[in-house]
Amino acid sequence: MIRIRGLRKSFGAARVLDDVHAEAPAGAIVAVLGPSGSGKSTLLRCLNGLTPFDAGELEIAGHRLAGGAAPPAEKLLALRAAVGMVFQELHLFPHLTALENVTLAPRVVGKVSRVEAERHARSLLDHVGMADRADARPASLSGGQKQRIAIARAVAQGARVLLMDEPTSALDESLRGDVAELLKKLARGEIASSTGGEPLTLVVVTHDESFAKEIATVTWRMAQGRIRG
């Protein structure tokens, strides 16, 4: 479940989020639509605690955040283990292989053994169609391949919610259908995180109306810092 109540966020004199209210049930695929500057990416970052907000409150993956000062580091760490994020730029570590990118957080943050982290990472890479590229570094991979690794990395710690910023922006038209099917599998729990085969809730920021129509079970359409429908 995601529940947002009265979220407000300003950068200087510019109010980017203005009394945002929204809900989505567990297992939903939420498409966040709207023009550039409408607050979509800021909302996504608030959901993961990357951007503290000024007022309001939100509940996500069993965690609660309130407006004002940023939460303590321990709370943010727990939140980000439950709420994964795939950035538009993907941010894979270039000096690590695909397998190492996926295992890094479970080993370092989750204190999972190397053997167990690699076992689960190989399963995730297999699910996203990247088992044969486990030893490849990002520079040798296509945009679509890197995105699949970023998704595997985001859910490797046991995420219950996955946030994605413009997942089709760098992809050819022919690959968008593959991404859509992958996200649907995640939402159905067919790609298991470390917590088991529970369905994930996805929040996907996109400019692509046709992609949103294909994947979304819930739509948040933003304009002037508010969700209008």
Protein backbone atom coordinates (compact mmCIF):
# COMPACT_ATOMS: atom_id res chain seq x y z
CA MET A 1 0.00 0.00 0.00
CA ILE A 2 1.12 3.54 -0.80
CA ARG A 3 -0.73 6.41 0.84
CA ILE A 4 0.18 10.08 0.33
CA ARG A 5 -1.51 12.89 2.26
CA GLY A 6 -0.98 16.62 1.76
CA LEU A 7 2.57 16.36 0.40
CA ARG A 8 4.23 19.71 -0.20
CA LYS A 9 7.73 20.45 -1.47
CA SER A 10 9.32 23.75 -2.50
CA PHE A 11 12.73 24.60 -3.86
CA GLY A 12 13.23 28.20 -2.87
CA ALA A 13 10.19 30.16 -4.00
CA ALA A 14 9.08 27.45 -6.44
CA ARG A 15 6.49 25.03 -5.06
CA VAL A 16 7.04 21.78 -6.93
CA LEU A 17 4.56 19.59 -5.01
CA ASP A 18 1.40 21.31 -3.84
CA ASP A 19 -0.89 19.32 -1.51
CA VAL A 20 -0.49 15.94 -3.22
CA HIS A 21 -2.96 13.20 -2.22
CA ALA A 22 -2.86 9.69 -3.71
CA GLU A 23 -3.22 5.98 -2.92
CA ALA A 24 -2.29 2.70 -4.56
CA PRO A 25 -2.87 -0.85 -3.33
CA ALA A 26 -0.13 -3.43 -2.90
CA GLY A 27 0.74 -5.09 -6.21
CA ALA A 28 -0.36 -2.11 -8.30
CA ILE A 29 1.58 -0.73 -11.24
CA VAL A 30 1.24 3.04 -10.92
CA ALA A 31 2.02 5.16 -13.98
CA VAL A 32 2.87 8.77 -13.11
CA LEU A 33 2.18 10.99 -16.11
CA GLY A 34 2.45 14.69 -16.75
CA PRO A 35 4.48 17.36 -18.54
CA SER A 36 8.05 18.24 -17.64
CA GLY A 37 8.11 20.35 -14.49
CA SER A 38 4.87 18.94 -13.10
CA GLY A 39 6.63 17.34 -10.11
CA LYS A 40 6.81 13.69 -11.21
CA SER A 41 10.47 13.01 -10.47
CA THR A 42 10.37 15.01 -7.23
CA LEU A 43 7.44 12.93 -6.05
CA LEU A 44 9.36 9.75 -6.86
CA ARG A 45 12.37 10.94 -4.86
CA CYS A 46 10.15 11.84 -1.89
CA LEU A 47 8.76 8.30 -1.89
CA ASN A 48 12.27 6.91 -1.40
CA GLY A 49 13.41 9.51 1.13
CA LEU A 50 15.96 10.94 -1.31
CA THR A 51 14.26 14.33 -1.17
CA PRO A 52 12.79 15.42 2.19
CA PHE A 53 9.46 17.20 1.84
CA ASP A 54 8.15 20.27 3.64
CA ALA A 55 4.72 19.14 4.82
CA GLY A 56 2.32 16.21 4.69
CA GLU A 57 2.96 12.54 5.23
CA LEU A 58 3.31 9.31 3.31
CA GLU A 59 3.19 5.59 4.01
CA ILE A 60 5.04 3.19 1.75
CA ALA A 61 6.05 -0.47 2.22
CA GLY A 62 5.12 -0.22 5.88
CA HIS A 63 7.27 2.86 6.49
CA ARG A 64 5.97 6.30 7.43
CA LEU A 65 7.58 9.62 6.56
CA ALA A 66 6.48 13.07 7.67
CA GLY A 67 7.29 16.54 6.37
CA GLY A 68 10.11 18.52 7.90
CA ALA A 69 13.63 17.40 8.69
CA ALA A 70 15.10 14.36 6.96
CA PRO A 71 14.61 11.10 8.90
CA PRO A 72 17.58 9.58 10.74
CA ALA A 73 20.02 7.50 8.73
CA GLU A 74 18.84 4.21 10.24
CA LYS A 75 15.25 4.85 9.16
CA LEU A 76 16.33 5.85 5.66
CA LEU A 77 18.43 2.70 5.34
CA ALA A 78 15.47 0.50 6.24
CA LEU A 79 13.20 2.46 3.90
CA ARG A 80 15.53 2.10 0.94
CA ALA A 81 15.89 -1.62 1.49
CA ALA A 82 12.10 -1.90 1.14
CA VAL A 83 11.69 0.73 -1.58
CA GLY A 84 14.07 0.17 -4.49
CA MET A 85 14.82 2.79 -7.11
CA VAL A 86 15.87 2.54 -10.75
CA PHE A 87 17.10 5.95 -11.88
CA GLN A 88 16.81 7.18 -15.44
CA GLU A 89 20.63 7.21 -15.64
CA LEU A 90 20.72 3.69 -14.04
CA HIS A 91 23.96 4.42 -12.11
CA LEU A 92 25.51 0.96 -12.42
CA PHE A 93 29.03 0.77 -11.04
CA PRO A 94 31.22 0.68 -14.16
CA HIS A 95 34.11 -1.21 -12.54
CA LEU A 96 31.86 -4.07 -11.36
CA THR A 97 30.37 -6.93 -13.35
CA ALA A 98 26.61 -7.39 -13.63
CA LEU A 99 26.76 -10.02 -10.89
CA GLU A 100 28.84 -7.78 -8.62
CA ASN A 101 26.45 -4.86 -9.13
CA VAL A 102 23.53 -7.02 -8.00
CA THR A 103 25.32 -8.58 -5.02
CA LEU A 104 26.97 -5.44 -3.63
CA ALA A 105 24.14 -4.06 -1.49
CA PRO A 106 22.99 -7.41 -0.06
CA ARG A 107 26.57 -8.21 0.98
CA VAL A 108 27.61 -4.79 2.29
CA VAL A 109 24.32 -3.45 3.66
CA GLY A 110 22.34 -6.63 4.26
CA LYS A 111 25.35 -8.60 5.56
CA VAL A 112 24.38 -11.59 3.38
CA SER A 113 27.15 -14.08 2.71
CA ARG A 114 28.85 -13.95 -0.68
CA VAL A 115 27.61 -17.44 -1.54
CA GLU A 116 23.97 -16.63 -0.74
CA ALA A 117 24.13 -13.19 -2.40
CA GLU A 118 25.53 -14.69 -5.59
CA ARG A 119 22.99 -17.51 -5.60
CA HIS A 120 20.11 -15.07 -5.39
CA ALA A 121 21.70 -12.61 -7.84
CA ARG A 122 22.13 -15.32 -10.48
CA SER A 123 18.47 -16.25 -10.03
CA LEU A 124 17.44 -12.63 -10.53
CA LEU A 125 19.67 -12.22 -13.57
CA ASP A 126 18.13 -15.35 -15.03
CA HIS A 127 14.63 -13.98 -14.44
CA VAL A 128 15.45 -10.72 -16.23
CA GLY A 129 17.12 -12.51 -19.13
CA MET A 130 20.69 -11.59 -18.23
CA ALA A 131 22.12 -14.87 -16.87
CA ASP A 132 24.59 -15.11 -19.75
CA ARG A 133 25.97 -11.61 -19.05
CA ALA A 134 26.68 -12.06 -15.33
CA ASP A 135 30.41 -11.45 -15.85
CA ALA A 136 30.00 -8.48 -18.21
CA ARG A 137 30.75 -4.91 -17.18
CA PRO A 138 28.28 -2.10 -17.99
CA ALA A 139 30.41 -0.61 -20.79
CA SER A 140 29.89 -3.76 -22.86
CA LEU A 141 26.11 -3.82 -22.43
CA SER A 142 23.27 -2.19 -24.34
CA GLY A 143 20.88 0.27 -22.71
CA GLY A 144 18.20 -2.39 -22.38
CA GLN A 145 20.62 -4.86 -20.83
CA LYS A 146 21.88 -2.31 -18.31
CA GLN A 147 18.31 -1.48 -17.36
CA ARG A 148 17.56 -5.14 -16.63
CA ILE A 149 20.60 -5.35 -14.37
CA ALA A 150 19.52 -2.16 -12.60
CA ILE A 151 16.10 -3.72 -11.96
CA ALA A 152 17.68 -6.90 -10.59
CA ARG A 153 19.92 -4.81 -8.35
CA ALA A 154 16.98 -2.77 -7.05
CA VAL A 155 14.99 -5.82 -5.92
CA ALA A 156 17.94 -7.88 -4.66
CA GLN A 157 17.59 -6.69 -1.06
CA GLY A 158 13.94 -7.63 -0.80
CA ALA A 159 12.22 -4.51 -2.07
CA ARG A 160 8.43 -4.44 -1.70
CA VAL A 161 8.06 -1.29 -3.83
CA LEU A 162 10.05 -0.43 -6.94
CA LEU A 163 10.29 3.16 -8.19
CA MET A 164 11.33 3.77 -11.81
CA ASP A 165 12.12 7.06 -13.54
CA GLU A 166 11.47 7.05 -17.30
CA PRO A 167 12.35 3.37 -17.91
CA THR A 168 11.75 3.55 -21.68
CA SER A 169 13.48 6.87 -22.41
CA ALA A 170 16.69 5.31 -23.76
CA LEU A 171 15.14 2.25 -25.39
CA ASP A 172 14.19 1.47 -28.96
CA GLU A 173 10.52 0.93 -29.65
CA SER A 174 11.15 -2.79 -30.13
CA LEU A 175 12.37 -3.14 -26.53
CA ARG A 176 9.50 -1.35 -24.81
CA GLY A 177 7.24 -4.38 -24.97
CA ASP A 178 9.93 -6.47 -23.28
CA VAL A 179 10.18 -3.93 -20.46
CA ALA A 180 6.40 -3.87 -20.09
CA GLU A 181 6.29 -7.66 -19.70
CA LEU A 182 9.14 -7.57 -17.19
CA LEU A 183 7.34 -5.02 -15.03
CA LYS A 184 4.14 -7.06 -15.12
CA LYS A 185 6.06 -10.13 -13.94
CA LEU A 186 7.50 -8.11 -11.07
CA ALA A 187 4.05 -6.93 -10.05
CA ARG A 188 2.71 -10.50 -10.14
CA GLY A 189 5.54 -11.76 -7.93
CA GLU A 190 7.02 -13.95 -10.68
CA ILE A 191 10.48 -12.49 -10.09
CA ALA A 192 11.23 -13.19 -6.46
CA SER A 193 13.09 -10.76 -4.24
CA SER A 194 15.02 -12.05 -1.24
CA THR A 195 11.79 -11.95 0.76
CA GLY A 196 10.13 -14.49 -1.50
CA GLY A 197 7.64 -14.37 -4.34
CA GLU A 198 5.50 -11.53 -3.05
CA PRO A 199 4.11 -9.15 -5.68
CA LEU A 200 5.89 -5.84 -5.95
CA THR A 201 4.19 -2.48 -6.13
CA LEU A 202 5.66 -0.38 -8.93
CA VAL A 203 5.59 3.38 -9.40
CA VAL A 204 6.73 4.32 -12.90
CA VAL A 205 7.32 7.91 -14.02
CA THR A 206 6.95 8.14 -17.80
CA HIS A 207 6.18 10.52 -20.64
CA ASP A 208 5.14 7.55 -22.78
CA GLU A 209 1.32 7.45 -22.78
CA SER A 210 1.11 4.21 -24.76
CA PHE A 211 3.57 2.48 -22.42
CA ALA A 212 1.61 3.73 -19.41
CA LYS A 213 -1.64 2.45 -20.88
CA GLU A 214 -0.07 -0.98 -21.43
CA ILE A 215 1.30 -1.46 -17.91
CA ALA A 216 -0.72 0.65 -15.47
CA THR A 217 -3.38 -0.56 -13.08
CA VAL A 218 -3.40 2.89 -11.43
CA THR A 219 -2.65 6.24 -13.07
CA TRP A 220 -1.54 9.41 -11.31
CA ARG A 221 -1.68 12.31 -13.75
CA MET A 222 0.24 15.33 -12.50
CA ALA A 223 -0.11 19.01 -13.38
CA GLN A 224 1.24 22.04 -11.55
CA GLY A 225 2.47 20.00 -8.63
CA ARG A 226 -0.76 18.12 -7.98
CA ILE A 227 -2.26 14.79 -8.97
CA ARG A 228 -5.33 15.59 -11.02
CA GLY A 229 -6.58 12.10 -11.70
